[in-house]
Amino acid sequence: MRVIVLDNEPVQALARPDHEKHRVVMAHLAGVVSRRRRGAAVAVVVPTAVRVEAGWDRSNPRAAAVNRFRVLDAVLDRQAADTAAGILVRVGVSVADAHLGAVARASTADDVVVLTSDPGDVARAAAPRRVTAIRI
């Protein structure tokens, strides 16, 4: 199983067709659709703290286009919050990056891929979990 985790800038790019990186993120999601059609297990998730940071309100009518994608919320529940708080204190990343790191660490997927504008922060937040951080 592969999990693709979206960071702040990819979410913003996905939500705004005029964003300079919109096509890049769309290409990654097209790859997900293609893999699913071939029977591969692929999930796309966004940590809810990242969604807040990016301003993605699923209930807003302007979010209708981005809501069409099968992007699952990774909620900041008690366990994720405890892990993220530890990451924040030890690593010194943002709350959203700490939540992203907690999501990566908790994932049972064989392969965790993160679309991000800052692979360094992602790698530090996810450690010791190995992730593939793709700079967009």
Protein backbone atom coordinates (compact mmCIF):
# COMPACT_ATOMS: atom_id res chain seq x y z
CA MET A 1 0.00 0.00 0.00
CA ARG A 2 1.16 3.51 -0.81
CA VAL A 3 0.02 6.63 1.05
CA ILE A 4 0.47 10.06 -0.45
CA VAL A 5 0.39 12.86 2.12
CA LEU A 6 -0.25 16.43 1.05
CA ASP A 7 1.55 19.33 2.69
CA ASN A 8 0.39 22.97 2.73
CA GLU A 9 1.58 24.22 -0.66
CA PRO A 10 0.29 21.20 -2.61
CA VAL A 11 -3.12 21.71 -0.98
CA GLN A 12 -3.08 25.38 -1.95
CA ALA A 13 -1.98 24.47 -5.49
CA LEU A 14 -4.72 21.86 -5.78
CA ALA A 15 -7.38 24.30 -4.64
CA ARG A 16 -6.39 27.13 -6.96
CA PRO A 17 -6.20 26.47 -10.71
CA ASP A 18 -4.22 29.71 -11.13
CA HIS A 19 -1.51 28.52 -8.71
CA GLU A 20 1.84 28.08 -10.46
CA LYS A 21 2.15 24.49 -9.19
CA HIS A 22 -1.45 23.42 -9.84
CA ARG A 23 -0.55 21.26 -12.86
CA VAL A 24 2.26 19.52 -10.99
CA VAL A 25 -0.05 18.46 -8.15
CA MET A 26 -2.76 17.48 -10.62
CA ALA A 27 -0.24 15.26 -12.43
CA HIS A 28 0.55 13.45 -9.17
CA LEU A 29 -3.15 12.90 -8.51
CA ALA A 30 -3.63 11.65 -12.07
CA GLY A 31 -0.94 9.08 -11.26
CA VAL A 32 -2.93 8.02 -8.20
CA VAL A 33 -6.06 7.55 -10.31
CA SER A 34 -4.08 5.50 -12.83
CA ARG A 35 -2.61 3.27 -10.12
CA ARG A 36 -6.05 2.73 -8.57
CA ARG A 37 -7.46 1.70 -11.94
CA ARG A 38 -4.71 -0.90 -12.24
CA GLY A 39 -5.72 -2.27 -8.84
CA ALA A 40 -2.99 -0.73 -6.70
CA ALA A 41 -3.84 0.32 -3.17
CA VAL A 42 -3.14 4.05 -3.00
CA ALA A 43 -4.58 6.56 -0.55
CA VAL A 44 -4.20 10.33 -0.56
CA VAL A 45 -4.43 11.98 2.85
CA VAL A 46 -4.12 15.47 4.26
CA PRO A 47 -3.44 16.09 7.95
CA THR A 48 -6.25 18.30 9.26
CA ALA A 49 -3.72 20.79 10.69
CA VAL A 50 -2.31 21.14 7.16
CA ARG A 51 -5.83 21.66 5.81
CA VAL A 52 -6.35 24.46 8.34
CA GLU A 53 -2.98 26.06 7.51
CA ALA A 54 -3.82 25.94 3.79
CA GLY A 55 -7.32 27.35 4.35
CA TRP A 56 -9.17 24.35 2.89
CA ASP A 57 -12.68 24.52 4.34
CA ARG A 58 -14.50 21.53 2.87
CA SER A 59 -17.88 23.15 3.63
CA ASN A 60 -17.14 26.27 1.55
CA PRO A 61 -18.83 26.15 -1.88
CA ARG A 62 -15.57 27.43 -3.42
CA ALA A 63 -13.95 24.16 -2.34
CA ALA A 64 -16.29 22.07 -4.51
CA ALA A 65 -13.63 21.39 -7.14
CA VAL A 66 -10.96 20.23 -4.70
CA ASN A 67 -13.53 18.25 -2.70
CA ARG A 68 -14.09 16.01 -5.75
CA PHE A 69 -10.74 14.35 -5.19
CA ARG A 70 -10.69 11.39 -2.86
CA VAL A 71 -8.42 13.03 -0.28
CA LEU A 72 -8.95 11.64 3.21
CA ASP A 73 -8.53 13.67 6.38
CA ALA A 74 -5.96 12.44 8.87
CA VAL A 75 -7.44 13.87 12.05
CA LEU A 76 -5.49 15.38 14.89
CA ASP A 77 -6.86 13.06 17.57
CA ARG A 78 -5.34 12.50 21.01
CA GLN A 79 -2.63 10.06 19.89
CA ALA A 80 -1.65 12.13 16.84
CA ALA A 81 -1.60 15.30 18.95
CA ASP A 82 0.73 13.69 21.50
CA THR A 83 3.08 12.51 18.76
CA ALA A 84 2.93 15.87 16.98
CA ALA A 85 3.61 17.77 20.21
CA GLY A 86 6.73 15.67 20.78
CA ILE A 87 7.88 16.34 17.20
CA LEU A 88 7.24 20.06 17.59
CA VAL A 89 9.32 20.25 20.77
CA ARG A 90 12.19 18.06 19.52
CA VAL A 91 12.41 19.17 15.90
CA GLY A 92 11.09 22.71 15.97
CA VAL A 93 8.79 22.55 12.93
CA SER A 94 5.36 24.14 12.50
CA VAL A 95 2.23 22.59 13.99
CA ALA A 96 1.12 21.48 10.53
CA ASP A 97 4.52 19.87 9.79
CA ALA A 98 4.49 18.19 13.19
CA HIS A 99 1.03 16.74 12.45
CA LEU A 100 2.27 15.62 9.03
CA GLY A 101 5.20 13.88 10.74
CA ALA A 102 2.81 12.18 13.16
CA VAL A 103 0.67 10.96 10.25
CA ALA A 104 3.73 9.56 8.47
CA ARG A 105 4.98 7.83 11.62
CA ALA A 106 1.59 6.25 12.33
CA SER A 107 1.05 5.01 8.79
CA THR A 108 1.09 1.26 8.27
CA ALA A 109 1.66 1.71 4.53
CA ASP A 110 4.73 0.19 2.91
CA ASP A 111 5.44 3.43 1.09
CA VAL A 112 4.75 6.96 2.37
CA VAL A 113 5.17 9.75 -0.18
CA VAL A 114 4.83 13.40 0.83
CA LEU A 115 4.19 16.17 -1.66
CA THR A 116 5.78 19.26 -0.16
CA SER A 117 7.65 22.46 -0.79
CA ASP A 118 10.03 21.69 2.10
CA PRO A 119 11.43 18.14 2.01
CA GLY A 120 13.92 18.90 4.79
CA ASP A 121 11.23 19.73 7.36
CA VAL A 122 9.20 16.70 6.27
CA ALA A 123 12.15 14.32 6.64
CA ARG A 124 12.99 15.71 10.09
CA ALA A 125 9.37 15.59 11.26
CA ALA A 126 8.79 12.04 10.02
CA ALA A 127 12.07 10.59 11.34
CA PRO A 128 12.80 7.84 12.11
CA ARG A 129 10.12 6.84 9.58
CA ARG A 130 11.56 6.92 6.08
CA VAL A 131 9.41 8.85 3.64
CA THR A 132 9.82 9.91 0.06
CA ALA A 133 9.50 13.69 0.08
CA ILE A 134 8.77 15.07 -3.37
CA ARG A 135 9.41 18.77 -3.79
CA ILE A 136 6.76 20.48 -5.83
